[in-house]
Amino acid sequence: MSIILIGLLASLLAGLATGVGALPVVFWPRGPGKLLDIMLGFAAGVMLAAAVFCLIIPALDPESTPGGGLLIVVIGILAGAAFLHALDKLIPHQHLVHENCVDMVAARRAWLFVLAIAIHNFPEGLAVGLGFAASPNLGRGIALTIGIGLQNVPEGLAVAIPLLLVGYSRGQALLIATITGLVEPLGALLAVTLGSMFQPILPVGLAFAGGAMIFVVVDEIIRETHRRGVGRLASGALMAGFVIMMSLDHLLG
């Protein structure tokens, strides 16, 4: 089996883990939005930890991402935030709103959340592809695939919960969460076939994705979790999500 096919299949499995993480929404009871707000706080914590520990810190590490550096990472973070800000202003949000949604602002925030996860998955796909392309054996690529796949599980739930909040069905939320994970095989395919070309842009790609995620969490998601009177509980859930994702990243190395 060629290294290109191996890298593509590995990234596909890692990306599908996003859909696995979203599976609980299939059984989610239709209940008060307050409970979902608490879970959304948890998802925001997962995103913040993923942005810091899975994207920004690796981008600063010259061993894991040669060609990076503080200035490159700073530029990438700010560019990611600016890109999401521009999308917020330019995207015709009415086309993204579910027919049962009466809150246009909440729908816009939910879709920014979805876009941030999708953007974040592309450089992770690059990382998996480069892991297979740049290593003389398959060990590094397999380790990256397992680590990123496990990290994608809580991120799938992070995508699905905001969509439930704005009226999407369980099936629709699950499908959209799965699709965001399928951005990874695209990144991996490009990296594993053109590895030497994509290695230099990996640091800025990681930082860009991290900046986009932090922007969405701070500007949109945290504000959303405080609208229905459970702000303190949502903040506690955010801390729990952050700690769990940080621990996963540390344990998976």
C-alpha atoms as a PDB file:
ATOM      1  CA  MET A   1       0.000   0.000   0.000  1.00  0.00           C
ATOM      2  CA  SER A   2       1.441   3.418  -0.974  1.00  0.00           C
ATOM      3  CA  ILE A   3       2.318   6.022   1.642  1.00  0.00           C
ATOM      4  CA  ILE A   4      -0.220   8.391   0.048  1.00  0.00           C
ATOM      5  CA  LEU A   5      -3.073   5.932   0.524  1.00  0.00           C
ATOM      6  CA  ILE A   6      -1.961   5.103   4.073  1.00  0.00           C
ATOM      7  CA  GLY A   7      -1.822   8.794   5.012  1.00  0.00           C
ATOM      8  CA  LEU A   8      -5.219   9.453   3.442  1.00  0.00           C
ATOM      9  CA  LEU A   9      -6.892   6.531   5.227  1.00  0.00           C
ATOM     10  CA  ALA A  10      -5.290   7.468   8.542  1.00  0.00           C
ATOM     11  CA  SER A  11      -6.489  11.066   8.320  1.00  0.00           C
ATOM     12  CA  LEU A  12      -9.959   9.866   7.307  1.00  0.00           C
ATOM     13  CA  LEU A  13     -10.165   7.756  10.463  1.00  0.00           C
ATOM     14  CA  ALA A  14      -8.968  10.685  12.576  1.00  0.00           C
ATOM     15  CA  GLY A  15     -11.509  12.985  10.939  1.00  0.00           C
ATOM     16  CA  LEU A  16     -14.388  10.550  11.417  1.00  0.00           C
ATOM     17  CA  ALA A  17     -13.661  10.629  15.154  1.00  0.00           C
ATOM     18  CA  THR A  18     -15.358  14.051  15.091  1.00  0.00           C
ATOM     19  CA  GLY A  19     -18.583  12.329  14.075  1.00  0.00           C
ATOM     20  CA  VAL A  20     -18.090   9.704  16.785  1.00  0.00           C
ATOM     21  CA  GLY A  21     -17.799  12.476  19.370  1.00  0.00           C
ATOM     22  CA  ALA A  22     -21.065  13.988  18.149  1.00  0.00           C
ATOM     23  CA  LEU A  23     -23.018  10.717  18.503  1.00  0.00           C
ATOM     24  CA  PRO A  24     -24.414  11.594  21.965  1.00  0.00           C
ATOM     25  CA  VAL A  25     -26.602  14.277  20.353  1.00  0.00           C
ATOM     26  CA  VAL A  26     -28.646  11.499  18.698  1.00  0.00           C
ATOM     27  CA  PHE A  27     -29.923  10.555  22.155  1.00  0.00           C
ATOM     28  CA  TRP A  28     -30.012  14.097  23.540  1.00  0.00           C
ATOM     29  CA  PRO A  29     -33.390  14.919  25.092  1.00  0.00           C
ATOM     30  CA  ARG A  30     -35.082  18.037  23.865  1.00  0.00           C
ATOM     31  CA  GLY A  31     -35.027  20.038  27.043  1.00  0.00           C
ATOM     32  CA  PRO A  32     -34.232  23.460  28.467  1.00  0.00           C
ATOM     33  CA  GLY A  33     -31.550  25.442  26.707  1.00  0.00           C
ATOM     34  CA  LYS A  34     -29.860  25.967  30.072  1.00  0.00           C
ATOM     35  CA  LEU A  35     -28.477  22.426  30.085  1.00  0.00           C
ATOM     36  CA  LEU A  36     -27.170  22.848  26.583  1.00  0.00           C
ATOM     37  CA  ASP A  37     -25.578  26.151  27.614  1.00  0.00           C
ATOM     38  CA  ILE A  38     -23.604  24.292  30.284  1.00  0.00           C
ATOM     39  CA  MET A  39     -22.495  21.723  27.701  1.00  0.00           C
ATOM     40  CA  LEU A  40     -21.628  24.535  25.326  1.00  0.00           C
ATOM     41  CA  GLY A  41     -19.391  25.943  28.058  1.00  0.00           C
ATOM     42  CA  PHE A  42     -17.672  22.558  28.248  1.00  0.00           C
ATOM     43  CA  ALA A  43     -17.223  22.575  24.474  1.00  0.00           C
ATOM     44  CA  ALA A  44     -15.709  26.066  24.643  1.00  0.00           C
ATOM     45  CA  GLY A  45     -13.175  24.813  27.182  1.00  0.00           C
ATOM     46  CA  VAL A  46     -12.272  21.950  24.847  1.00  0.00           C
ATOM     47  CA  MET A  47     -11.753  24.420  22.009  1.00  0.00           C
ATOM     48  CA  LEU A  48      -9.574  26.751  24.080  1.00  0.00           C
ATOM     49  CA  ALA A  49      -7.333  23.907  25.225  1.00  0.00           C
ATOM     50  CA  ALA A  50      -7.125  22.507  21.693  1.00  0.00           C
ATOM     51  CA  ALA A  51      -6.157  25.937  20.363  1.00  0.00           C
ATOM     52  CA  VAL A  52      -3.401  26.407  22.947  1.00  0.00           C
ATOM     53  CA  PHE A  53      -1.969  22.925  23.449  1.00  0.00           C
ATOM     54  CA  CYS A  54      -2.679  21.249  20.099  1.00  0.00           C
ATOM     55  CA  LEU A  55      -2.091  24.175  17.760  1.00  0.00           C
ATOM     56  CA  ILE A  56      -0.232  27.206  19.151  1.00  0.00           C
ATOM     57  CA  ILE A  57       2.341  25.472  21.360  1.00  0.00           C
ATOM     58  CA  PRO A  58       3.309  22.954  18.613  1.00  0.00           C
ATOM     59  CA  ALA A  59       3.617  25.871  16.179  1.00  0.00           C
ATOM     60  CA  LEU A  60       6.165  27.457  18.541  1.00  0.00           C
ATOM     61  CA  ASP A  61       8.200  24.245  18.789  1.00  0.00           C
ATOM     62  CA  PRO A  62      11.045  24.255  16.217  1.00  0.00           C
ATOM     63  CA  GLU A  63      11.446  20.485  16.509  1.00  0.00           C
ATOM     64  CA  SER A  64       7.867  19.565  15.646  1.00  0.00           C
ATOM     65  CA  THR A  65       7.297  22.411  13.166  1.00  0.00           C
ATOM     66  CA  PRO A  66      10.570  23.587  11.581  1.00  0.00           C
ATOM     67  CA  GLY A  67      10.418  27.079  10.172  1.00  0.00           C
ATOM     68  CA  GLY A  68       8.193  28.454  12.905  1.00  0.00           C
ATOM     69  CA  GLY A  69       8.989  31.151  15.410  1.00  0.00           C
ATOM     70  CA  LEU A  70       7.363  33.665  17.692  1.00  0.00           C
ATOM     71  CA  LEU A  71       6.726  36.278  14.998  1.00  0.00           C
ATOM     72  CA  ILE A  72       5.259  33.715  12.596  1.00  0.00           C
ATOM     73  CA  VAL A  73       2.957  32.366  15.305  1.00  0.00           C
ATOM     74  CA  VAL A  74       1.832  35.850  16.394  1.00  0.00           C
ATOM     75  CA  ILE A  75       1.012  36.749  12.791  1.00  0.00           C
ATOM     76  CA  GLY A  76      -0.845  33.463  12.325  1.00  0.00           C
ATOM     77  CA  ILE A  77      -2.948  33.925  15.485  1.00  0.00           C
ATOM     78  CA  LEU A  78      -3.936  37.483  14.578  1.00  0.00           C
ATOM     79  CA  ALA A  79      -4.662  36.487  10.978  1.00  0.00           C
ATOM     80  CA  GLY A  80      -6.932  33.665  12.163  1.00  0.00           C
ATOM     81  CA  ALA A  81      -8.892  36.017  14.394  1.00  0.00           C
ATOM     82  CA  ALA A  82      -9.127  38.645  11.644  1.00  0.00           C
ATOM     83  CA  PHE A  83     -10.342  36.017   9.173  1.00  0.00           C
ATOM     84  CA  LEU A  84     -13.171  34.896  11.467  1.00  0.00           C
ATOM     85  CA  HIS A  85     -14.076  38.536  12.136  1.00  0.00           C
ATOM     86  CA  ALA A  86     -14.284  39.135   8.375  1.00  0.00           C
ATOM     87  CA  LEU A  87     -16.417  36.011   7.891  1.00  0.00           C
ATOM     88  CA  ASP A  88     -18.753  37.226  10.615  1.00  0.00           C
ATOM     89  CA  LYS A  89     -19.276  40.447   8.680  1.00  0.00           C
ATOM     90  CA  LEU A  90     -19.354  39.081   5.140  1.00  0.00           C
ATOM     91  CA  ILE A  91     -21.174  35.730   5.247  1.00  0.00           C
ATOM     92  CA  PRO A  92     -24.891  36.025   4.413  1.00  0.00           C
ATOM     93  CA  HIS A  93     -25.974  34.462   7.691  1.00  0.00           C
ATOM     94  CA  GLN A  94     -29.601  34.100   6.676  1.00  0.00           C
ATOM     95  CA  HIS A  95     -28.592  31.224   4.398  1.00  0.00           C
ATOM     96  CA  LEU A  96     -27.133  29.359   7.363  1.00  0.00           C
ATOM     97  CA  VAL A  97     -30.078  29.751   9.707  1.00  0.00           C
ATOM     98  CA  HIS A  98     -32.262  26.723  10.287  1.00  0.00           C
ATOM     99  CA  GLU A  99     -35.945  27.186   9.492  1.00  0.00           C
ATOM    100  CA  ASN A 100     -36.881  26.557  13.150  1.00  0.00           C
ATOM    101  CA  CYS A 101     -34.405  29.114  14.478  1.00  0.00           C
ATOM    102  CA  VAL A 102     -35.784  32.431  15.666  1.00  0.00           C
ATOM    103  CA  ASP A 103     -32.475  33.817  16.919  1.00  0.00           C
ATOM    104  CA  MET A 104     -30.325  34.980  14.005  1.00  0.00           C
ATOM    105  CA  VAL A 105     -27.459  36.011  16.288  1.00  0.00           C
ATOM    106  CA  ALA A 106     -27.315  32.594  17.939  1.00  0.00           C
ATOM    107  CA  ALA A 107     -27.331  30.895  14.530  1.00  0.00           C
ATOM    108  CA  ARG A 108     -24.457  33.083  13.372  1.00  0.00           C
ATOM    109  CA  ARG A 109     -22.457  32.169  16.457  1.00  0.00           C
ATOM    110  CA  ALA A 110     -23.161  28.485  15.974  1.00  0.00           C
ATOM    111  CA  TRP A 111     -21.901  28.582  12.401  1.00  0.00           C
ATOM    112  CA  LEU A 112     -18.795  30.533  13.353  1.00  0.00           C
ATOM    113  CA  PHE A 113     -18.150  27.738  15.835  1.00  0.00           C
ATOM    114  CA  VAL A 114     -18.534  25.174  13.041  1.00  0.00           C
ATOM    115  CA  LEU A 115     -16.215  27.137  10.742  1.00  0.00           C
ATOM    116  CA  ALA A 116     -13.583  27.487  13.452  1.00  0.00           C
ATOM    117  CA  ILE A 117     -13.497  23.717  14.007  1.00  0.00           C
ATOM    118  CA  ALA A 118     -13.305  23.088  10.258  1.00  0.00           C
ATOM    119  CA  ILE A 119     -10.428  25.568   9.894  1.00  0.00           C
ATOM    120  CA  HIS A 120      -8.673  23.938  12.838  1.00  0.00           C
ATOM    121  CA  ASN A 121      -8.996  20.475  11.268  1.00  0.00           C
ATOM    122  CA  PHE A 122      -7.142  21.412   8.072  1.00  0.00           C
ATOM    123  CA  PRO A 123      -3.688  21.961   9.639  1.00  0.00           C
ATOM    124  CA  GLU A 124      -4.258  18.879  11.788  1.00  0.00           C
ATOM    125  CA  GLY A 125      -4.737  16.952   8.547  1.00  0.00           C
ATOM    126  CA  LEU A 126      -1.522  18.516   7.260  1.00  0.00           C
ATOM    127  CA  ALA A 127       0.235  17.327  10.420  1.00  0.00           C
ATOM    128  CA  VAL A 128      -0.966  13.734   9.922  1.00  0.00           C
ATOM    129  CA  GLY A 129       0.079  13.769   6.271  1.00  0.00           C
ATOM    130  CA  LEU A 130       3.505  15.180   7.084  1.00  0.00           C
ATOM    131  CA  GLY A 131       3.875  12.575   9.829  1.00  0.00           C
ATOM    132  CA  PHE A 132       3.671   9.857   7.199  1.00  0.00           C
ATOM    133  CA  ALA A 133       5.547  11.722   4.457  1.00  0.00           C
ATOM    134  CA  ALA A 134       8.495  12.913   6.536  1.00  0.00           C
ATOM    135  CA  SER A 135       9.184   9.806   8.614  1.00  0.00           C
ATOM    136  CA  PRO A 136      11.165   6.756   7.426  1.00  0.00           C
ATOM    137  CA  ASN A 137       8.721   4.495   9.290  1.00  0.00           C
ATOM    138  CA  LEU A 138       5.019   4.654  10.011  1.00  0.00           C
ATOM    139  CA  GLY A 139       5.317   5.099  13.780  1.00  0.00           C
ATOM    140  CA  ARG A 140       5.153   8.894  13.878  1.00  0.00           C
ATOM    141  CA  GLY A 141       2.214   9.043  11.499  1.00  0.00           C
ATOM    142  CA  ILE A 142       0.288   6.399  13.440  1.00  0.00           C
ATOM    143  CA  ALA A 143       0.939   8.174  16.756  1.00  0.00           C
ATOM    144  CA  LEU A 144      -0.260  11.489  15.292  1.00  0.00           C
ATOM    145  CA  THR A 145      -3.357   9.806  13.879  1.00  0.00           C
ATOM    146  CA  ILE A 146      -4.308   8.282  17.231  1.00  0.00           C
ATOM    147  CA  GLY A 147      -3.647  11.496  19.150  1.00  0.00           C
ATOM    148  CA  ILE A 148      -5.553  13.760  16.771  1.00  0.00           C
ATOM    149  CA  GLY A 149      -8.397  11.257  16.471  1.00  0.00           C
ATOM    150  CA  LEU A 150      -8.882  11.152  20.243  1.00  0.00           C
ATOM    151  CA  GLN A 151      -8.744  14.937  20.413  1.00  0.00           C
ATOM    152  CA  ASN A 152     -11.406  15.140  17.699  1.00  0.00           C
ATOM    153  CA  VAL A 153     -13.930  13.193  19.774  1.00  0.00           C
ATOM    154  CA  PRO A 154     -14.847  16.027  22.195  1.00  0.00           C
ATOM    155  CA  GLU A 155     -14.605  18.528  19.348  1.00  0.00           C
ATOM    156  CA  GLY A 156     -17.403  16.697  17.534  1.00  0.00           C
ATOM    157  CA  LEU A 157     -19.680  17.316  20.482  1.00  0.00           C
ATOM    158  CA  ALA A 158     -18.453  20.913  20.527  1.00  0.00           C
ATOM    159  CA  VAL A 159     -19.773  21.372  16.987  1.00  0.00           C
ATOM    160  CA  ALA A 160     -23.073  19.557  17.465  1.00  0.00           C
ATOM    161  CA  ILE A 161     -24.252  21.291  20.657  1.00  0.00           C
ATOM    162  CA  PRO A 162     -24.480  24.847  19.223  1.00  0.00           C
ATOM    163  CA  LEU A 163     -26.421  23.510  16.251  1.00  0.00           C
ATOM    164  CA  LEU A 164     -28.953  21.863  18.569  1.00  0.00           C
ATOM    165  CA  LEU A 165     -29.303  25.177  20.389  1.00  0.00           C
ATOM    166  CA  VAL A 166     -30.439  26.959  17.230  1.00  0.00           C
ATOM    167  CA  GLY A 167     -32.957  24.337  16.105  1.00  0.00           C
ATOM    168  CA  TYR A 168     -31.098  21.816  13.978  1.00  0.00           C
ATOM    169  CA  SER A 169     -32.209  18.218  14.348  1.00  0.00           C
ATOM    170  CA  ARG A 170     -30.016  15.603  16.006  1.00  0.00           C
ATOM    171  CA  GLY A 171     -29.289  14.008  12.642  1.00  0.00           C
ATOM    172  CA  GLN A 172     -28.368  17.319  11.034  1.00  0.00           C
ATOM    173  CA  ALA A 173     -26.070  18.237  13.923  1.00  0.00           C
ATOM    174  CA  LEU A 174     -24.361  14.843  13.701  1.00  0.00           C
ATOM    175  CA  LEU A 175     -23.907  15.129   9.929  1.00  0.00           C
ATOM    176  CA  ILE A 176     -22.448  18.642  10.072  1.00  0.00           C
ATOM    177  CA  ALA A 177     -20.057  17.659  12.873  1.00  0.00           C
ATOM    178  CA  THR A 178     -18.864  14.697  10.810  1.00  0.00           C
ATOM    179  CA  ILE A 179     -18.334  16.881   7.746  1.00  0.00           C
ATOM    180  CA  THR A 180     -16.087  19.262   9.699  1.00  0.00           C
ATOM    181  CA  GLY A 181     -13.824  16.318  10.508  1.00  0.00           C
ATOM    182  CA  LEU A 182     -13.602  15.342   6.847  1.00  0.00           C
ATOM    183  CA  VAL A 183     -11.550  18.474   6.176  1.00  0.00           C
ATOM    184  CA  GLU A 184      -8.604  16.542   7.640  1.00  0.00           C
ATOM    185  CA  PRO A 185      -8.182  14.045   4.763  1.00  0.00           C
ATOM    186  CA  LEU A 186      -7.910  16.979   2.345  1.00  0.00           C
ATOM    187  CA  GLY A 187      -5.057  18.482   4.348  1.00  0.00           C
ATOM    188  CA  ALA A 188      -3.394  15.092   4.733  1.00  0.00           C
ATOM    189  CA  LEU A 189      -3.633  14.321   1.019  1.00  0.00           C
ATOM    190  CA  LEU A 190      -1.951  17.589   0.125  1.00  0.00           C
ATOM    191  CA  ALA A 191       0.757  17.125   2.754  1.00  0.00           C
ATOM    192  CA  VAL A 192       1.566  13.499   1.998  1.00  0.00           C
ATOM    193  CA  THR A 193       1.862  14.154  -1.747  1.00  0.00           C
ATOM    194  CA  LEU A 194       3.601  17.539  -1.489  1.00  0.00           C
ATOM    195  CA  GLY A 195       5.231  17.202   1.908  1.00  0.00           C
ATOM    196  CA  SER A 196       8.280  19.372   1.260  1.00  0.00           C
ATOM    197  CA  MET A 197       6.049  22.197   0.039  1.00  0.00           C
ATOM    198  CA  PHE A 198       3.670  22.162   3.007  1.00  0.00           C
ATOM    199  CA  GLN A 199       6.205  21.721   5.804  1.00  0.00           C
ATOM    200  CA  PRO A 200       7.143  25.447   5.869  1.00  0.00           C
ATOM    201  CA  ILE A 201       3.527  26.618   6.140  1.00  0.00           C
ATOM    202  CA  LEU A 202       2.524  24.241   8.938  1.00  0.00           C
ATOM    203  CA  PRO A 203       3.509  26.624  11.795  1.00  0.00           C
ATOM    204  CA  VAL A 204       1.482  29.532  10.442  1.00  0.00           C
ATOM    205  CA  GLY A 205      -1.388  27.169   9.590  1.00  0.00           C
ATOM    206  CA  LEU A 206      -1.503  25.846  13.146  1.00  0.00           C
ATOM    207  CA  ALA A 207      -1.327  29.357  14.606  1.00  0.00           C
ATOM    208  CA  PHE A 208      -4.003  30.608  12.197  1.00  0.00           C
ATOM    209  CA  ALA A 209      -6.376  27.852  13.282  1.00  0.00           C
ATOM    210  CA  GLY A 210      -5.611  28.509  16.953  1.00  0.00           C
ATOM    211  CA  GLY A 211      -6.336  32.216  16.573  1.00  0.00           C
ATOM    212  CA  ALA A 212      -9.624  31.503  14.794  1.00  0.00           C
ATOM    213  CA  MET A 213     -10.763  29.154  17.565  1.00  0.00           C
ATOM    214  CA  ILE A 214      -9.842  31.520  20.388  1.00  0.00           C
ATOM    215  CA  PHE A 215     -11.651  34.386  18.648  1.00  0.00           C
ATOM    216  CA  VAL A 216     -14.878  32.413  18.323  1.00  0.00           C
ATOM    217  CA  VAL A 217     -14.803  31.161  21.911  1.00  0.00           C
ATOM    218  CA  VAL A 218     -14.123  34.571  23.432  1.00  0.00           C
ATOM    219  CA  ASP A 219     -16.220  36.725  21.103  1.00  0.00           C
ATOM    220  CA  GLU A 220     -19.223  34.481  20.582  1.00  0.00           C
ATOM    221  CA  ILE A 221     -19.500  31.264  22.568  1.00  0.00           C
ATOM    222  CA  ILE A 222     -18.810  32.455  26.122  1.00  0.00           C
ATOM    223  CA  ARG A 223     -21.305  35.272  25.629  1.00  0.00           C
ATOM    224  CA  GLU A 224     -23.904  32.764  24.413  1.00  0.00           C
ATOM    225  CA  THR A 225     -23.528  30.573  27.523  1.00  0.00           C
ATOM    226  CA  HIS A 226     -24.342  33.507  29.825  1.00  0.00           C
ATOM    227  CA  ARG A 227     -27.680  34.454  28.282  1.00  0.00           C
ATOM    228  CA  ARG A 228     -30.004  32.174  30.271  1.00  0.00           C
ATOM    229  CA  GLY A 229     -28.815  32.626  33.832  1.00  0.00           C
ATOM    230  CA  VAL A 230     -26.367  29.719  34.094  1.00  0.00           C
ATOM    231  CA  GLY A 231     -23.210  31.696  33.420  1.00  0.00           C
ATOM    232  CA  ARG A 232     -21.376  30.520  36.535  1.00  0.00           C
ATOM    233  CA  LEU A 233     -22.179  26.856  35.817  1.00  0.00           C
ATOM    234  CA  ALA A 234     -21.150  27.317  32.191  1.00  0.00           C
ATOM    235  CA  SER A 235     -17.857  28.841  33.353  1.00  0.00           C
ATOM    236  CA  GLY A 236     -17.258  25.813  35.565  1.00  0.00           C
ATOM    237  CA  ALA A 237     -18.017  23.530  32.617  1.00  0.00           C
ATOM    238  CA  LEU A 238     -15.576  25.525  30.501  1.00  0.00           C
ATOM    239  CA  MET A 239     -12.845  24.925  33.078  1.00  0.00           C
ATOM    240  CA  ALA A 240     -13.664  21.209  33.105  1.00  0.00           C
ATOM    241  CA  GLY A 241     -13.513  21.019  29.310  1.00  0.00           C
ATOM    242  CA  PHE A 242     -10.209  22.887  29.264  1.00  0.00           C
ATOM    243  CA  VAL A 243      -8.626  20.604  31.863  1.00  0.00           C
ATOM    244  CA  ILE A 244      -9.849  17.407  30.185  1.00  0.00           C
ATOM    245  CA  MET A 245      -8.591  18.451  26.747  1.00  0.00           C
ATOM    246  CA  MET A 246      -5.269  19.618  28.217  1.00  0.00           C
ATOM    247  CA  SER A 247      -4.883  16.276  29.990  1.00  0.00           C
ATOM    248  CA  LEU A 248      -5.659  14.363  26.791  1.00  0.00           C
ATOM    249  CA  ASP A 249      -3.026  16.320  24.908  1.00  0.00           C
ATOM    250  CA  HIS A 250      -0.449  15.757  27.653  1.00  0.00           C
ATOM    251  CA  LEU A 251      -1.146  12.045  28.016  1.00  0.00           C
ATOM    252  CA  LEU A 252      -1.081  11.467  24.263  1.00  0.00           C
ATOM    253  CA  GLY A 253       2.164  13.407  23.957  1.00  0.00           C
END
